[in-house]
Amino acid sequence: MEHKNREDGNISTLTDERLEQLQSIGFRWAKRRGQVRWDEKYGELIQHANKVGNCHVPTKYKENTALGRWVSTQRAEYKTFCKGEKSSLTAEKIRRLDSIGFAWFMSL
């Protein structure tokens, strides 16, 4: 629970030092519900970016409609996150998407 709190930006007793100690011994955190599915779609997005050169996936993407919906959901959750409202998107997920050049806003 403390790891979840920390990931979500909430108060946690899990300090940087404790986290580093756990990571140094190969501690594996249990996946949160929905995290596995998120990781799968993130992997699909990386494959898409490798194929076409960017992370611009239209909402109604004919080649992979589920990926298009997922990308659209990430953008909507980002807006919610930025407003300080409860969101399924965490700072860590934002960091991961940023690292692959995810486009949070698409121009028309």
N, C-alpha and C. Protein backbone atom coordinates (compact mmCIF):
# COMPACT_ATOMS: atom_id res chain seq x y z
N MET A 1 0.82 -1.19 0.00
CA MET A 1 0.00 0.00 0.00
C MET A 1 0.87 1.26 0.00
N GLU A 2 1.98 1.22 0.70
CA GLU A 2 2.84 2.40 0.76
C GLU A 2 3.45 2.71 -0.60
N HIS A 3 3.77 1.68 -1.34
CA HIS A 3 4.30 1.89 -2.69
C HIS A 3 3.24 2.54 -3.57
N LYS A 4 2.01 2.09 -3.46
CA LYS A 4 0.90 2.67 -4.22
C LYS A 4 0.73 4.13 -3.85
N ASN A 5 0.74 4.42 -2.54
CA ASN A 5 0.60 5.81 -2.10
C ASN A 5 1.69 6.68 -2.69
N ARG A 6 2.90 6.16 -2.65
CA ARG A 6 4.05 6.91 -3.18
C ARG A 6 3.90 7.16 -4.68
N GLU A 7 3.53 6.13 -5.43
CA GLU A 7 3.34 6.26 -6.87
C GLU A 7 2.25 7.26 -7.21
N ASP A 8 1.22 7.30 -6.39
CA ASP A 8 0.10 8.20 -6.63
C ASP A 8 0.35 9.61 -6.13
N GLY A 9 1.54 9.84 -5.53
CA GLY A 9 1.87 11.17 -5.03
C GLY A 9 1.27 11.49 -3.69
N ASN A 10 0.81 10.47 -2.98
CA ASN A 10 0.22 10.66 -1.65
C ASN A 10 1.29 10.47 -0.57
N ILE A 11 0.94 10.83 0.64
CA ILE A 11 1.87 10.65 1.76
C ILE A 11 2.15 9.17 1.95
N SER A 12 3.44 8.84 2.13
CA SER A 12 3.85 7.44 2.27
C SER A 12 5.03 7.36 3.23
N THR A 13 5.08 6.28 3.98
CA THR A 13 6.22 6.05 4.87
C THR A 13 7.37 5.37 4.13
N LEU A 14 7.16 5.04 2.87
CA LEU A 14 8.21 4.43 2.06
C LEU A 14 9.17 5.51 1.59
N THR A 15 10.30 5.62 2.25
CA THR A 15 11.28 6.65 1.92
C THR A 15 12.11 6.24 0.72
N ASP A 16 12.84 7.21 0.17
CA ASP A 16 13.74 6.92 -0.95
C ASP A 16 14.74 5.83 -0.56
N GLU A 17 15.26 5.94 0.65
CA GLU A 17 16.26 4.98 1.12
C GLU A 17 15.67 3.57 1.20
N ARG A 18 14.47 3.46 1.76
CA ARG A 18 13.83 2.13 1.86
C ARG A 18 13.53 1.57 0.47
N LEU A 19 13.06 2.43 -0.40
CA LEU A 19 12.76 2.00 -1.76
C LEU A 19 14.03 1.49 -2.45
N GLU A 20 15.11 2.22 -2.32
CA GLU A 20 16.38 1.81 -2.92
C GLU A 20 16.87 0.48 -2.34
N GLN A 21 16.70 0.29 -1.04
CA GLN A 21 17.11 -0.97 -0.41
C GLN A 21 16.30 -2.13 -0.97
N LEU A 22 15.01 -1.95 -1.10
CA LEU A 22 14.17 -3.02 -1.64
C LEU A 22 14.53 -3.31 -3.10
N GLN A 23 14.75 -2.26 -3.86
CA GLN A 23 15.10 -2.46 -5.27
C GLN A 23 16.46 -3.13 -5.40
N SER A 24 17.39 -2.84 -4.49
CA SER A 24 18.74 -3.40 -4.58
C SER A 24 18.76 -4.92 -4.37
N ILE A 25 17.73 -5.44 -3.70
CA ILE A 25 17.68 -6.89 -3.49
C ILE A 25 16.72 -7.56 -4.47
N GLY A 26 16.27 -6.79 -5.47
CA GLY A 26 15.41 -7.36 -6.50
C GLY A 26 13.96 -7.51 -6.10
N PHE A 27 13.52 -6.75 -5.12
CA PHE A 27 12.13 -6.83 -4.68
C PHE A 27 11.20 -6.50 -5.84
N ARG A 28 10.17 -7.31 -6.01
CA ARG A 28 9.20 -7.10 -7.09
C ARG A 28 7.87 -6.71 -6.48
N TRP A 29 7.34 -5.59 -6.91
CA TRP A 29 6.06 -5.11 -6.41
C TRP A 29 4.94 -5.84 -7.13
N ALA A 30 3.90 -6.14 -6.39
CA ALA A 30 2.72 -6.76 -7.00
C ALA A 30 2.11 -5.76 -7.97
N LYS A 31 1.67 -6.25 -9.09
CA LYS A 31 1.03 -5.38 -10.06
C LYS A 31 -0.33 -4.97 -9.55
N ARG A 32 -0.62 -3.70 -9.69
CA ARG A 32 -1.94 -3.22 -9.31
C ARG A 32 -2.95 -3.66 -10.35
N ARG A 33 -4.17 -3.83 -9.93
CA ARG A 33 -5.22 -4.20 -10.86
C ARG A 33 -5.26 -3.19 -12.00
N GLY A 34 -5.30 -3.67 -13.19
CA GLY A 34 -5.32 -2.80 -14.34
C GLY A 34 -3.93 -2.44 -14.86
N GLN A 35 -2.92 -2.61 -14.04
CA GLN A 35 -1.56 -2.26 -14.45
C GLN A 35 -1.07 -3.17 -15.57
N VAL A 36 -1.38 -4.45 -15.50
CA VAL A 36 -0.94 -5.38 -16.53
C VAL A 36 -1.52 -4.96 -17.87
N ARG A 37 -2.80 -4.66 -17.91
CA ARG A 37 -3.44 -4.23 -19.16
C ARG A 37 -2.82 -2.93 -19.65
N TRP A 38 -2.54 -2.00 -18.74
CA TRP A 38 -1.91 -0.74 -19.13
C TRP A 38 -0.55 -1.02 -19.76
N ASP A 39 0.22 -1.89 -19.13
CA ASP A 39 1.55 -2.23 -19.65
C ASP A 39 1.46 -2.87 -21.04
N GLU A 40 0.43 -3.69 -21.26
CA GLU A 40 0.25 -4.30 -22.58
C GLU A 40 0.00 -3.24 -23.64
N LYS A 41 -0.89 -2.31 -23.35
CA LYS A 41 -1.20 -1.25 -24.32
C LYS A 41 -0.01 -0.32 -24.52
N TYR A 42 0.73 -0.06 -23.46
CA TYR A 42 1.95 0.74 -23.56
C TYR A 42 2.93 0.06 -24.52
N GLY A 43 3.06 -1.25 -24.39
CA GLY A 43 3.92 -2.02 -25.29
C GLY A 43 3.44 -1.93 -26.74
N GLU A 44 2.14 -1.99 -26.95
CA GLU A 44 1.58 -1.85 -28.29
C GLU A 44 1.88 -0.46 -28.86
N LEU A 45 1.80 0.54 -27.98
CA LEU A 45 2.10 1.91 -28.42
C LEU A 45 3.57 2.03 -28.84
N ILE A 46 4.46 1.42 -28.10
CA ILE A 46 5.87 1.43 -28.46
C ILE A 46 6.07 0.76 -29.82
N GLN A 47 5.40 -0.37 -30.04
CA GLN A 47 5.51 -1.06 -31.33
C GLN A 47 5.00 -0.16 -32.45
N HIS A 48 3.89 0.51 -32.19
CA HIS A 48 3.33 1.43 -33.19
C HIS A 48 4.33 2.54 -33.50
N ALA A 49 4.92 3.13 -32.45
CA ALA A 49 5.89 4.21 -32.64
C ALA A 49 7.11 3.73 -33.42
N ASN A 50 7.56 2.53 -33.14
CA ASN A 50 8.71 1.97 -33.87
C ASN A 50 8.37 1.76 -35.35
N LYS A 51 7.12 1.42 -35.61
CA LYS A 51 6.68 1.14 -36.97
C LYS A 51 6.49 2.42 -37.79
N VAL A 52 5.84 3.42 -37.19
CA VAL A 52 5.47 4.63 -37.95
C VAL A 52 6.31 5.86 -37.59
N GLY A 53 7.10 5.76 -36.51
CA GLY A 53 7.98 6.87 -36.16
C GLY A 53 7.42 7.88 -35.17
N ASN A 54 6.21 7.63 -34.66
CA ASN A 54 5.63 8.54 -33.66
C ASN A 54 4.54 7.84 -32.87
N CYS A 55 4.05 8.53 -31.84
CA CYS A 55 3.00 7.97 -30.97
C CYS A 55 1.63 8.54 -31.30
N HIS A 56 1.46 9.10 -32.48
CA HIS A 56 0.19 9.72 -32.85
C HIS A 56 -0.77 8.64 -33.33
N VAL A 57 -1.63 8.21 -32.45
CA VAL A 57 -2.61 7.17 -32.77
C VAL A 57 -3.99 7.81 -32.74
N PRO A 58 -4.70 7.80 -33.85
CA PRO A 58 -6.04 8.38 -33.85
C PRO A 58 -7.00 7.56 -32.98
N THR A 59 -7.99 8.22 -32.44
CA THR A 59 -8.97 7.54 -31.60
C THR A 59 -9.64 6.39 -32.36
N LYS A 60 -9.96 6.61 -33.62
CA LYS A 60 -10.61 5.58 -34.43
C LYS A 60 -9.59 4.95 -35.38
N TYR A 61 -8.54 4.40 -34.79
CA TYR A 61 -7.44 3.80 -35.54
C TYR A 61 -7.89 2.44 -36.08
N LYS A 62 -8.04 2.33 -37.38
CA LYS A 62 -8.59 1.12 -38.00
C LYS A 62 -7.72 -0.11 -37.77
N GLU A 63 -6.39 0.07 -37.74
CA GLU A 63 -5.49 -1.09 -37.58
C GLU A 63 -5.53 -1.68 -36.18
N ASN A 64 -5.90 -0.86 -35.19
CA ASN A 64 -5.95 -1.34 -33.80
C ASN A 64 -6.89 -0.42 -33.03
N THR A 65 -8.18 -0.71 -33.12
CA THR A 65 -9.18 0.16 -32.49
C THR A 65 -9.01 0.25 -30.97
N ALA A 66 -8.60 -0.85 -30.35
CA ALA A 66 -8.41 -0.83 -28.90
C ALA A 66 -7.27 0.10 -28.50
N LEU A 67 -6.20 0.13 -29.29
CA LEU A 67 -5.08 1.03 -29.01
C LEU A 67 -5.53 2.49 -29.18
N GLY A 68 -6.30 2.76 -30.20
CA GLY A 68 -6.82 4.12 -30.41
C GLY A 68 -7.65 4.60 -29.24
N ARG A 69 -8.51 3.73 -28.73
CA ARG A 69 -9.34 4.09 -27.56
C ARG A 69 -8.45 4.29 -26.33
N TRP A 70 -7.45 3.42 -26.17
CA TRP A 70 -6.56 3.50 -25.01
C TRP A 70 -5.79 4.82 -25.02
N VAL A 71 -5.26 5.21 -26.18
CA VAL A 71 -4.53 6.47 -26.29
C VAL A 71 -5.46 7.64 -25.97
N SER A 72 -6.66 7.59 -26.48
CA SER A 72 -7.64 8.64 -26.19
C SER A 72 -7.93 8.73 -24.69
N THR A 73 -8.03 7.57 -24.06
CA THR A 73 -8.28 7.53 -22.61
C THR A 73 -7.10 8.13 -21.85
N GLN A 74 -5.87 7.86 -22.30
CA GLN A 74 -4.70 8.42 -21.61
C GLN A 74 -4.74 9.94 -21.67
N ARG A 75 -5.12 10.48 -22.82
CA ARG A 75 -5.20 11.94 -22.96
C ARG A 75 -6.28 12.53 -22.04
N ALA A 76 -7.42 11.86 -21.98
CA ALA A 76 -8.50 12.33 -21.10
C ALA A 76 -8.09 12.25 -19.64
N GLU A 77 -7.43 11.14 -19.26
CA GLU A 77 -6.98 10.98 -17.88
C GLU A 77 -5.89 12.00 -17.53
N TYR A 78 -5.08 12.38 -18.51
CA TYR A 78 -4.04 13.39 -18.29
C TYR A 78 -4.68 14.73 -17.93
N LYS A 79 -5.73 15.10 -18.65
CA LYS A 79 -6.43 16.35 -18.35
C LYS A 79 -6.99 16.32 -16.93
N THR A 80 -7.56 15.19 -16.56
CA THR A 80 -8.10 15.02 -15.20
C THR A 80 -6.98 15.13 -14.17
N PHE A 81 -5.87 14.45 -14.43
CA PHE A 81 -4.71 14.48 -13.54
C PHE A 81 -4.21 15.90 -13.34
N CYS A 82 -4.11 16.65 -14.44
CA CYS A 82 -3.59 18.02 -14.38
C CYS A 82 -4.51 18.96 -13.60
N LYS A 83 -5.79 18.64 -13.55
CA LYS A 83 -6.74 19.44 -12.76
C LYS A 83 -6.66 19.10 -11.27
N GLY A 84 -5.85 18.08 -10.95
CA GLY A 84 -5.74 17.66 -9.56
C GLY A 84 -6.87 16.75 -9.11
N GLU A 85 -7.62 16.24 -10.07
CA GLU A 85 -8.73 15.34 -9.75
C GLU A 85 -8.24 13.89 -9.77
N LYS A 86 -9.05 13.00 -9.21
CA LYS A 86 -8.70 11.58 -9.17
C LYS A 86 -8.60 11.04 -10.60
N SER A 87 -7.49 10.36 -10.87
CA SER A 87 -7.22 9.86 -12.21
C SER A 87 -6.53 8.51 -12.12
N SER A 88 -6.76 7.67 -13.11
CA SER A 88 -6.05 6.38 -13.16
C SER A 88 -4.62 6.58 -13.66
N LEU A 89 -4.33 7.76 -14.17
CA LEU A 89 -3.00 8.07 -14.66
C LEU A 89 -2.13 8.55 -13.50
N THR A 90 -0.97 7.94 -13.35
CA THR A 90 -0.04 8.31 -12.28
C THR A 90 1.13 9.11 -12.86
N ALA A 91 1.88 9.73 -11.98
CA ALA A 91 3.08 10.46 -12.41
C ALA A 91 4.05 9.52 -13.12
N GLU A 92 4.14 8.29 -12.66
CA GLU A 92 5.03 7.31 -13.28
C GLU A 92 4.56 6.97 -14.70
N LYS A 93 3.27 6.80 -14.89
CA LYS A 93 2.75 6.51 -16.23
C LYS A 93 2.99 7.70 -17.16
N ILE A 94 2.81 8.91 -16.64
CA ILE A 94 3.07 10.11 -17.44
C ILE A 94 4.54 10.14 -17.84
N ARG A 95 5.43 9.85 -16.90
CA ARG A 95 6.86 9.83 -17.19
C ARG A 95 7.17 8.82 -18.29
N ARG A 96 6.57 7.63 -18.19
CA ARG A 96 6.82 6.59 -19.19
C ARG A 96 6.32 7.02 -20.56
N LEU A 97 5.13 7.61 -20.62
CA LEU A 97 4.60 8.06 -21.90
C LEU A 97 5.43 9.22 -22.46
N ASP A 98 5.83 10.14 -21.61
CA ASP A 98 6.70 11.25 -22.05
C ASP A 98 8.00 10.71 -22.65
N SER A 99 8.54 9.66 -22.04
CA SER A 99 9.84 9.13 -22.47
C SER A 99 9.82 8.57 -23.89
N ILE A 100 8.64 8.25 -24.40
CA ILE A 100 8.55 7.73 -25.78
C ILE A 100 7.93 8.75 -26.73
N GLY A 101 7.80 9.99 -26.27
CA GLY A 101 7.30 11.05 -27.15
C GLY A 101 5.80 11.07 -27.32
N PHE A 102 5.07 10.64 -26.30
CA PHE A 102 3.61 10.63 -26.38
C PHE A 102 3.08 12.04 -26.58
N ALA A 103 2.12 12.21 -27.48
CA ALA A 103 1.50 13.51 -27.76
C ALA A 103 0.25 13.65 -26.90
N TRP A 104 0.33 14.51 -25.88
CA TRP A 104 -0.81 14.67 -24.97
C TRP A 104 -1.95 15.43 -25.62
N PHE A 105 -1.62 16.29 -26.56
CA PHE A 105 -2.64 17.08 -27.25
C PHE A 105 -2.39 16.94 -28.75
N MET A 106 -3.44 16.65 -29.46
CA MET A 106 -3.32 16.50 -30.91
C MET A 106 -3.93 17.73 -31.58
N SER A 107 -3.18 18.31 -32.51
CA SER A 107 -3.73 19.45 -33.25
C SER A 107 -4.52 18.92 -34.44
N LEU A 108 -5.54 19.64 -34.77
CA LEU A 108 -6.40 19.22 -35.88
C LEU A 108 -5.90 19.73 -37.20
